[in-house]
Amino acid sequence: QQKLAVKSGYWPLIRFNPDIAKEDKNPFQLDSKAPSIPLEEYIYNENRYKMLTRIMPEIAKKLLKEAQEGVLERWKRYERLAAIYEKK
């Protein structure tokens, strides 16, 4: 389940170590790859999320769409941060 969370982008693996910036290295490390599976492959393996699809399918669909957009926006933000620190 943890691997699905990372692959979907729900839980990106990042590190920030300001001490290595002193050595002219990038302190922001983006360890996971870009999301490679849809968020729903992770989300709907969890009963707590799957129940909403049974009770309120339209709302579940809307929330999933918003969450997927959020995952992609957050990933782009992390990529920009990594690039900013790389340039310094």
C-alpha atoms as a PDB file:
ATOM      1  CA  GLN A   1       0.000   0.000   0.000  1.00  0.00           C
ATOM      2  CA  GLN A   2       2.891   2.366   0.758  1.00  0.00           C
ATOM      3  CA  LYS A   3       4.350   1.777  -2.700  1.00  0.00           C
ATOM      4  CA  LEU A   4       1.017   2.675  -4.276  1.00  0.00           C
ATOM      5  CA  ALA A   5       0.884   5.872  -2.219  1.00  0.00           C
ATOM      6  CA  VAL A   6       4.312   6.883  -3.540  1.00  0.00           C
ATOM      7  CA  LYS A   7       3.645   5.792  -7.138  1.00  0.00           C
ATOM      8  CA  SER A   8       0.371   7.732  -7.210  1.00  0.00           C
ATOM      9  CA  GLY A   9       2.028  10.871  -5.881  1.00  0.00           C
ATOM     10  CA  TYR A  10      -0.153  10.889  -2.760  1.00  0.00           C
ATOM     11  CA  TRP A  11       2.965  10.519  -0.619  1.00  0.00           C
ATOM     12  CA  PRO A  12       6.035  11.908  -2.406  1.00  0.00           C
ATOM     13  CA  LEU A  13       9.424  11.096  -0.926  1.00  0.00           C
ATOM     14  CA  ILE A  14      11.396  14.263  -0.296  1.00  0.00           C
ATOM     15  CA  ARG A  15      14.351  15.272   1.848  1.00  0.00           C
ATOM     16  CA  PHE A  16      15.663  18.673   2.829  1.00  0.00           C
ATOM     17  CA  ASN A  17      19.066  19.033   4.462  1.00  0.00           C
ATOM     18  CA  PRO A  18      20.222  22.655   4.755  1.00  0.00           C
ATOM     19  CA  ASP A  19      23.665  21.548   5.968  1.00  0.00           C
ATOM     20  CA  ILE A  20      24.678  20.217   2.551  1.00  0.00           C
ATOM     21  CA  ALA A  21      23.870  23.572   0.943  1.00  0.00           C
ATOM     22  CA  LYS A  22      27.117  24.777   2.534  1.00  0.00           C
ATOM     23  CA  GLU A  23      28.919  22.252   0.320  1.00  0.00           C
ATOM     24  CA  ASP A  24      27.236  23.693  -2.805  1.00  0.00           C
ATOM     25  CA  LYS A  25      24.951  20.662  -3.053  1.00  0.00           C
ATOM     26  CA  ASN A  26      21.202  20.727  -3.559  1.00  0.00           C
ATOM     27  CA  PRO A  27      19.600  20.553  -0.084  1.00  0.00           C
ATOM     28  CA  PHE A  28      16.211  19.608  -1.565  1.00  0.00           C
ATOM     29  CA  GLN A  29      16.088  15.993  -2.715  1.00  0.00           C
ATOM     30  CA  LEU A  30      13.060  14.664  -4.538  1.00  0.00           C
ATOM     31  CA  ASP A  31      13.517  10.914  -4.093  1.00  0.00           C
ATOM     32  CA  SER A  32      10.350   9.591  -5.685  1.00  0.00           C
ATOM     33  CA  LYS A  33       9.604   9.643  -9.387  1.00  0.00           C
ATOM     34  CA  ALA A  34       6.729  11.529 -10.985  1.00  0.00           C
ATOM     35  CA  PRO A  35       3.322   9.951 -10.314  1.00  0.00           C
ATOM     36  CA  SER A  36       3.044   6.868 -12.508  1.00  0.00           C
ATOM     37  CA  ILE A  37      -0.381   5.519 -11.562  1.00  0.00           C
ATOM     38  CA  PRO A  38      -3.738   7.260 -11.156  1.00  0.00           C
ATOM     39  CA  LEU A  39      -4.540   8.288  -7.597  1.00  0.00           C
ATOM     40  CA  GLU A  40      -7.632   6.095  -7.613  1.00  0.00           C
ATOM     41  CA  GLU A  41      -5.473   2.942  -7.767  1.00  0.00           C
ATOM     42  CA  TYR A  42      -4.152   3.861  -4.341  1.00  0.00           C
ATOM     43  CA  ILE A  43      -7.217   5.560  -2.875  1.00  0.00           C
ATOM     44  CA  TYR A  44      -9.738   2.855  -3.659  1.00  0.00           C
ATOM     45  CA  ASN A  45      -7.615   0.153  -2.045  1.00  0.00           C
ATOM     46  CA  GLU A  46      -8.553   1.816   1.242  1.00  0.00           C
ATOM     47  CA  ASN A  47     -12.007   0.991   2.591  1.00  0.00           C
ATOM     48  CA  ARG A  48     -12.361   4.436   4.143  1.00  0.00           C
ATOM     49  CA  TYR A  49     -12.263   5.986   0.663  1.00  0.00           C
ATOM     50  CA  LYS A  50     -14.078   3.178  -1.135  1.00  0.00           C
ATOM     51  CA  MET A  51     -17.103   3.538   1.170  1.00  0.00           C
ATOM     52  CA  LEU A  52     -17.738   7.042  -0.124  1.00  0.00           C
ATOM     53  CA  THR A  53     -18.147   5.669  -3.660  1.00  0.00           C
ATOM     54  CA  ARG A  54     -20.972   3.458  -2.404  1.00  0.00           C
ATOM     55  CA  ILE A  55     -22.699   6.092  -0.310  1.00  0.00           C
ATOM     56  CA  MET A  56     -22.190   9.201  -2.469  1.00  0.00           C
ATOM     57  CA  PRO A  57     -20.697   8.217  -5.840  1.00  0.00           C
ATOM     58  CA  GLU A  58     -20.973  11.668  -7.454  1.00  0.00           C
ATOM     59  CA  ILE A  59     -19.274  13.394  -4.547  1.00  0.00           C
ATOM     60  CA  ALA A  60     -16.593  10.691  -4.463  1.00  0.00           C
ATOM     61  CA  LYS A  61     -15.903  11.241  -8.156  1.00  0.00           C
ATOM     62  CA  LYS A  62     -15.628  15.016  -7.666  1.00  0.00           C
ATOM     63  CA  LEU A  63     -13.340  14.655  -4.655  1.00  0.00           C
ATOM     64  CA  LEU A  64     -11.111  12.175  -6.471  1.00  0.00           C
ATOM     65  CA  LYS A  65     -10.759  14.561  -9.407  1.00  0.00           C
ATOM     66  CA  GLU A  66      -9.803  17.413  -7.062  1.00  0.00           C
ATOM     67  CA  ALA A  67      -7.355  15.191  -5.191  1.00  0.00           C
ATOM     68  CA  GLN A  68      -5.720  14.039  -8.446  1.00  0.00           C
ATOM     69  CA  GLU A  69      -5.312  17.660  -9.528  1.00  0.00           C
ATOM     70  CA  GLY A  70      -3.806  18.461  -6.132  1.00  0.00           C
ATOM     71  CA  VAL A  71      -1.308  15.620  -6.455  1.00  0.00           C
ATOM     72  CA  LEU A  72      -0.155  16.880  -9.848  1.00  0.00           C
ATOM     73  CA  GLU A  73       0.080  20.498  -8.664  1.00  0.00           C
ATOM     74  CA  ARG A  74       2.079  19.471  -5.606  1.00  0.00           C
ATOM     75  CA  TRP A  75       4.445  17.388  -7.767  1.00  0.00           C
ATOM     76  CA  LYS A  76       5.081  20.352 -10.068  1.00  0.00           C
ATOM     77  CA  ARG A  77       5.775  22.536  -7.032  1.00  0.00           C
ATOM     78  CA  TYR A  78       8.338  20.038  -5.721  1.00  0.00           C
ATOM     79  CA  GLU A  79      10.015  19.886  -9.130  1.00  0.00           C
ATOM     80  CA  ARG A  80      10.265  23.679  -9.176  1.00  0.00           C
ATOM     81  CA  LEU A  81      11.752  23.688  -5.678  1.00  0.00           C
ATOM     82  CA  ALA A  82      14.341  21.108  -6.676  1.00  0.00           C
ATOM     83  CA  ALA A  83      15.249  23.212  -9.722  1.00  0.00           C
ATOM     84  CA  ILE A  84      15.529  26.417  -7.681  1.00  0.00           C
ATOM     85  CA  TYR A  85      17.906  24.844  -5.198  1.00  0.00           C
ATOM     86  CA  GLU A  86      19.883  23.211  -8.007  1.00  0.00           C
ATOM     87  CA  LYS A  87      20.630  26.625  -9.514  1.00  0.00           C
ATOM     88  CA  LYS A  88      22.060  28.067  -6.302  1.00  0.00           C
END
